[in-house]
Amino acid sequence: MDKLDYFKSNRKGPTHSNGILFHKMLDQARRILKYDSYINEAIHPIFTYMKQLTDLITCENGVQSLTIGDVDSSQKIHNVFVAGNHFVQDKINKIVFKKPLPEELFAYRDLNYYLHESSVKLEISNSPIILNPWNPKRTVAAIEEIETTTNRFDSQGYSWNLNNFYYYPIGVTLCQSGHHSQYSAKLKGGGSTTINTLFDIRDIYEEVTFEPKRRMDKHVLYAGILFEIGRILLDYPEVFPEGIRECIENNQKIK
């Protein structure tokens, strides 16, 4: 057989699986954002699309805790969402929803903290939320007892135990406390929750870009995909929930 050496590879971009997934996820996100027939949707389809990754991370955390213990990747994900480098931290604005006590003001004044005095509520069932139900016994107890007919999950009733970070313009919430109760509500498709701190990271996109590597932690890869979808969402502020848009548009520096 003749050697057909006049055929050349026409491949462009990464050929490893992480890179392929990364670029395909971003391409599909762009496609969804061009689709305009979502007027009657409770949440824009882009956030449902992103839930594939946030739900995957959450369920892997819960299921794997049964066999190998705590597999929390929250800090790694947070580090990706805020670019993980000290030289961009001054470009991040943090918005809180409860006015600090007078004796606490010194901790807020010089750290880009802003105040929006209206709580923002998110439906657990349809919002992209990352949880780490790290303790199997507590997970089972929460499933037995929370978001039942006699004990509906309510963010007000559980406010003492909830601490959720929201990252704009990524549109993802990362739980810091209240994992098990919110996980039960999520599995049962009910309940609402609130945000404690909103990280406005728009300005760091001017400084950094996430690049997938051939070998990397899969949750870091998923976080990088979400981070770069956030870059795309910079051009689509109208798709965010009304409470988030109001928070971004109306806040004041804590002095």
Protein backbone atom coordinates (compact mmCIF):
# COMPACT_ATOMS: atom_id res chain seq x y z
CA MET A 1 0.00 0.00 0.00
CA ASP A 2 1.28 3.44 -0.90
CA LYS A 3 2.10 5.70 2.00
CA LEU A 4 -0.35 8.58 1.89
CA ASP A 5 2.00 11.10 3.45
CA TYR A 6 0.20 14.06 1.95
CA PHE A 7 -2.41 13.86 4.74
CA LYS A 8 -1.63 16.22 7.61
CA SER A 9 -3.32 16.70 10.91
CA ASN A 10 -5.76 19.61 10.88
CA ARG A 11 -6.27 19.65 14.63
CA LYS A 12 -6.39 22.95 16.45
CA GLY A 13 -6.42 23.57 20.15
CA PRO A 14 -5.86 21.03 22.95
CA THR A 15 -6.28 17.33 22.26
CA HIS A 16 -6.25 16.08 25.86
CA SER A 17 -9.64 15.27 27.45
CA ASN A 18 -9.56 18.12 29.96
CA GLY A 19 -8.98 20.70 27.26
CA ILE A 20 -11.65 19.21 25.02
CA LEU A 21 -14.22 19.25 27.82
CA PHE A 22 -13.24 22.80 28.78
CA HIS A 23 -13.73 24.23 25.30
CA LYS A 24 -16.88 22.25 24.54
CA MET A 25 -18.50 23.46 27.76
CA LEU A 26 -17.69 27.07 26.89
CA ASP A 27 -18.91 26.69 23.32
CA GLN A 28 -22.24 25.30 24.51
CA ALA A 29 -22.56 28.08 27.09
CA ARG A 30 -22.22 30.66 24.31
CA ARG A 31 -24.86 28.81 22.31
CA ILE A 32 -27.32 28.80 25.21
CA LEU A 33 -26.84 32.52 25.83
CA LYS A 34 -27.78 33.27 22.23
CA TYR A 35 -31.09 31.44 22.68
CA ASP A 36 -33.70 34.04 23.62
CA SER A 37 -36.85 31.99 24.26
CA TYR A 38 -36.51 31.83 28.04
CA ILE A 39 -38.91 34.60 29.03
CA ASN A 40 -41.12 32.30 31.11
CA GLU A 41 -38.30 30.39 32.80
CA ALA A 42 -37.86 30.82 36.56
CA ILE A 43 -34.11 30.79 36.02
CA HIS A 44 -32.11 31.34 32.85
CA PRO A 45 -31.10 28.06 31.11
CA ILE A 46 -27.41 28.98 31.45
CA PHE A 47 -27.61 28.40 35.21
CA THR A 48 -29.33 25.06 34.70
CA TYR A 49 -26.51 24.18 32.32
CA MET A 50 -23.93 25.12 34.96
CA LYS A 51 -25.75 22.98 37.53
CA GLN A 52 -24.38 19.93 35.72
CA LEU A 53 -20.99 20.74 37.23
CA THR A 54 -22.12 22.09 40.62
CA ASP A 55 -24.41 19.09 41.14
CA LEU A 56 -21.64 16.74 40.07
CA ILE A 57 -19.19 18.24 42.57
CA THR A 58 -21.80 18.20 45.32
CA CYS A 59 -22.91 14.60 44.79
CA GLU A 60 -19.33 13.36 44.47
CA ASN A 61 -18.55 15.04 47.80
CA GLY A 62 -21.55 13.35 49.43
CA VAL A 63 -21.17 9.87 47.97
CA GLN A 64 -17.39 9.67 48.34
CA SER A 65 -17.62 10.71 51.99
CA LEU A 66 -19.17 7.28 52.58
CA THR A 67 -15.95 5.51 51.64
CA ILE A 68 -12.93 7.81 51.83
CA GLY A 69 -14.06 10.46 54.29
CA ASP A 70 -14.12 14.20 53.81
CA VAL A 71 -13.28 15.08 50.19
CA ASP A 72 -14.15 18.77 50.44
CA SER A 73 -12.70 20.78 47.56
CA SER A 74 -14.35 24.07 48.58
CA GLN A 75 -11.09 25.90 49.26
CA LYS A 76 -9.63 24.83 45.91
CA ILE A 77 -12.79 25.99 44.14
CA HIS A 78 -12.82 29.30 46.02
CA ASN A 79 -9.17 29.82 45.06
CA VAL A 80 -10.04 29.32 41.39
CA PHE A 81 -13.05 31.65 41.58
CA VAL A 82 -10.94 34.48 43.09
CA ALA A 83 -7.92 33.69 40.89
CA GLY A 84 -5.95 32.49 43.91
CA ASN A 85 -3.22 35.12 43.60
CA HIS A 86 -2.64 37.92 46.05
CA PHE A 87 -1.95 40.48 43.32
CA VAL A 88 -5.60 40.53 42.18
CA GLN A 89 -7.30 40.45 45.57
CA ASP A 90 -7.59 44.24 45.72
CA LYS A 91 -9.77 44.01 42.60
CA ILE A 92 -12.42 41.93 44.38
CA ASN A 93 -15.35 43.71 46.01
CA LYS A 94 -17.17 41.87 48.78
CA ILE A 95 -20.81 42.72 49.38
CA VAL A 96 -22.44 41.79 52.70
CA PHE A 97 -26.12 41.95 53.60
CA LYS A 98 -26.00 42.76 57.28
CA LYS A 99 -24.57 46.00 58.64
CA PRO A 100 -21.50 45.33 60.81
CA LEU A 101 -21.62 46.30 64.45
CA PRO A 102 -19.71 49.52 65.28
CA GLU A 103 -16.94 47.57 66.99
CA GLU A 104 -16.51 45.43 63.84
CA LEU A 105 -16.15 48.27 61.33
CA PHE A 106 -12.35 48.34 61.51
CA ALA A 107 -12.26 44.89 59.90
CA TYR A 108 -14.29 46.08 56.89
CA ARG A 109 -13.17 49.63 56.10
CA ASP A 110 -9.95 48.93 54.23
CA LEU A 111 -10.88 45.63 52.58
CA ASN A 112 -13.24 46.55 49.73
CA TYR A 113 -16.39 45.67 51.66
CA TYR A 114 -19.77 46.99 50.56
CA LEU A 115 -23.23 46.80 52.09
CA HIS A 116 -26.57 45.86 50.51
CA GLU A 117 -29.20 45.79 53.25
CA SER A 118 -31.66 43.45 51.56
CA SER A 119 -31.22 39.69 51.70
CA VAL A 120 -30.98 37.75 48.45
CA LYS A 121 -32.88 34.48 48.36
CA LEU A 122 -32.11 31.59 45.99
CA GLU A 123 -34.14 28.47 45.35
CA ILE A 124 -31.98 25.48 46.23
CA SER A 125 -33.62 23.27 43.62
CA ASN A 126 -32.73 25.34 40.56
CA SER A 127 -29.68 27.41 41.54
CA PRO A 128 -26.07 26.27 40.94
CA ILE A 129 -24.89 25.59 44.50
CA ILE A 130 -21.83 23.62 45.61
CA LEU A 131 -22.19 21.76 48.91
CA ASN A 132 -19.95 19.40 50.85
CA PRO A 133 -22.04 16.94 52.88
CA TRP A 134 -18.93 15.56 54.49
CA ASN A 135 -20.40 13.53 57.37
CA PRO A 136 -22.47 10.49 56.29
CA LYS A 137 -24.37 10.27 59.60
CA ARG A 138 -25.32 13.92 59.46
CA THR A 139 -26.29 13.55 55.81
CA VAL A 140 -28.66 10.68 56.64
CA ALA A 141 -30.09 12.51 59.65
CA ALA A 142 -30.72 15.60 57.52
CA ILE A 143 -32.46 13.50 54.86
CA GLU A 144 -34.66 11.98 57.56
CA GLU A 145 -35.51 15.22 59.32
CA ILE A 146 -35.16 18.25 56.99
CA GLU A 147 -37.44 19.36 54.14
CA THR A 148 -40.15 17.00 55.33
CA THR A 149 -43.86 17.78 55.59
CA THR A 150 -43.40 18.72 59.25
CA ASN A 151 -40.01 20.43 58.97
CA ARG A 152 -39.66 22.48 55.80
CA PHE A 153 -36.20 23.83 55.14
CA ASP A 154 -36.21 27.59 55.62
CA SER A 155 -33.20 29.85 55.42
CA GLN A 156 -34.57 32.07 58.18
CA GLY A 157 -35.02 29.21 60.60
CA TYR A 158 -31.54 27.86 59.82
CA SER A 159 -29.82 31.23 59.40
CA TRP A 160 -27.58 30.61 62.40
CA ASN A 161 -26.01 27.66 60.58
CA LEU A 162 -25.82 28.98 57.01
CA ASN A 163 -22.89 30.68 55.36
CA ASN A 164 -23.00 30.91 51.57
CA PHE A 165 -20.67 32.78 49.19
CA TYR A 166 -21.98 33.92 45.79
CA TYR A 167 -19.54 34.75 42.97
CA TYR A 168 -20.55 37.31 40.37
CA PRO A 169 -20.50 37.04 37.34
CA ILE A 170 -20.01 33.27 37.68
CA GLY A 171 -23.46 32.89 39.20
CA VAL A 172 -22.44 30.04 41.50
CA THR A 173 -22.93 29.77 45.26
CA LEU A 174 -20.30 27.99 47.36
CA CYS A 175 -21.46 26.80 50.77
CA GLN A 176 -19.18 27.37 53.73
CA SER A 177 -21.56 26.19 56.47
CA GLY A 178 -24.91 24.41 56.45
CA HIS A 179 -23.90 21.69 54.03
CA HIS A 180 -26.04 18.82 55.30
CA SER A 181 -29.36 20.64 55.76
CA GLN A 182 -29.08 22.31 52.36
CA TYR A 183 -28.03 19.01 50.78
CA SER A 184 -31.19 17.36 52.04
CA ALA A 185 -33.31 20.20 50.67
CA LYS A 186 -31.45 19.97 47.37
CA LEU A 187 -32.00 16.22 47.03
CA LYS A 188 -35.70 16.68 47.77
CA GLY A 189 -36.04 19.55 45.33
CA GLY A 190 -37.28 22.17 47.78
CA GLY A 191 -36.35 25.00 50.07
CA SER A 192 -34.69 28.35 49.60
CA THR A 193 -31.48 29.76 50.99
CA THR A 194 -29.74 33.10 51.38
CA ILE A 195 -26.33 34.53 50.53
CA ASN A 196 -24.03 35.85 53.25
CA THR A 197 -21.34 37.39 51.04
CA LEU A 198 -21.26 38.23 47.34
CA PHE A 199 -17.82 38.31 45.72
CA ASP A 200 -17.85 40.73 42.78
CA ILE A 201 -14.88 39.47 40.75
CA ARG A 202 -15.54 41.27 37.46
CA ASP A 203 -12.28 43.22 37.52
CA ILE A 204 -10.00 40.20 37.89
CA TYR A 205 -10.96 38.95 34.42
CA GLU A 206 -8.72 41.70 33.06
CA GLU A 207 -5.76 40.10 34.81
CA VAL A 208 -6.09 36.31 34.55
CA THR A 209 -7.37 33.49 32.33
CA PHE A 210 -7.89 29.88 33.40
CA GLU A 211 -6.08 27.32 31.27
CA PRO A 212 -6.87 23.59 31.60
CA LYS A 213 -3.97 21.21 32.04
CA ARG A 214 -3.65 17.60 30.93
CA ARG A 215 -3.42 16.43 34.53
CA MET A 216 -5.28 18.37 37.17
CA ASP A 217 -7.78 17.88 39.99
CA LYS A 218 -11.18 17.39 38.34
CA HIS A 219 -12.97 19.75 40.71
CA VAL A 220 -10.39 22.43 39.92
CA LEU A 221 -11.08 21.81 36.22
CA TYR A 222 -14.84 22.13 36.78
CA ALA A 223 -14.27 25.33 38.76
CA GLY A 224 -12.11 26.67 35.92
CA ILE A 225 -14.89 25.98 33.43
CA LEU A 226 -17.37 27.83 35.64
CA PHE A 227 -14.90 30.70 36.05
CA GLU A 228 -14.58 31.11 32.29
CA ILE A 229 -18.34 30.89 31.78
CA GLY A 230 -18.40 33.84 34.17
CA ARG A 231 -16.21 35.74 31.71
CA ILE A 232 -18.82 35.10 29.01
CA LEU A 233 -21.60 36.21 31.37
CA LEU A 234 -19.96 39.62 31.75
CA ASP A 235 -21.84 40.52 28.57
CA TYR A 236 -25.18 39.17 29.83
CA PRO A 237 -26.01 40.88 33.16
CA GLU A 238 -29.72 40.67 32.32
CA VAL A 239 -29.81 36.88 32.79
CA PHE A 240 -29.06 37.04 36.53
CA PRO A 241 -31.84 36.83 39.13
CA GLU A 242 -33.40 40.17 40.01
CA GLY A 243 -32.06 40.09 43.57
CA ILE A 244 -28.49 39.66 42.32
CA ARG A 245 -28.83 42.50 39.80
CA GLU A 246 -30.24 44.76 42.52
CA CYS A 247 -27.35 43.88 44.83
CA ILE A 248 -24.73 44.66 42.16
CA GLU A 249 -26.35 47.94 41.18
CA ASN A 250 -27.19 49.25 44.67
CA ASN A 251 -24.61 48.97 47.43
CA GLN A 252 -22.44 51.33 49.40
CA LYS A 253 -18.87 51.20 50.64
CA ILE A 254 -18.54 50.38 54.32
CA LYS A 255 -16.63 53.23 55.96
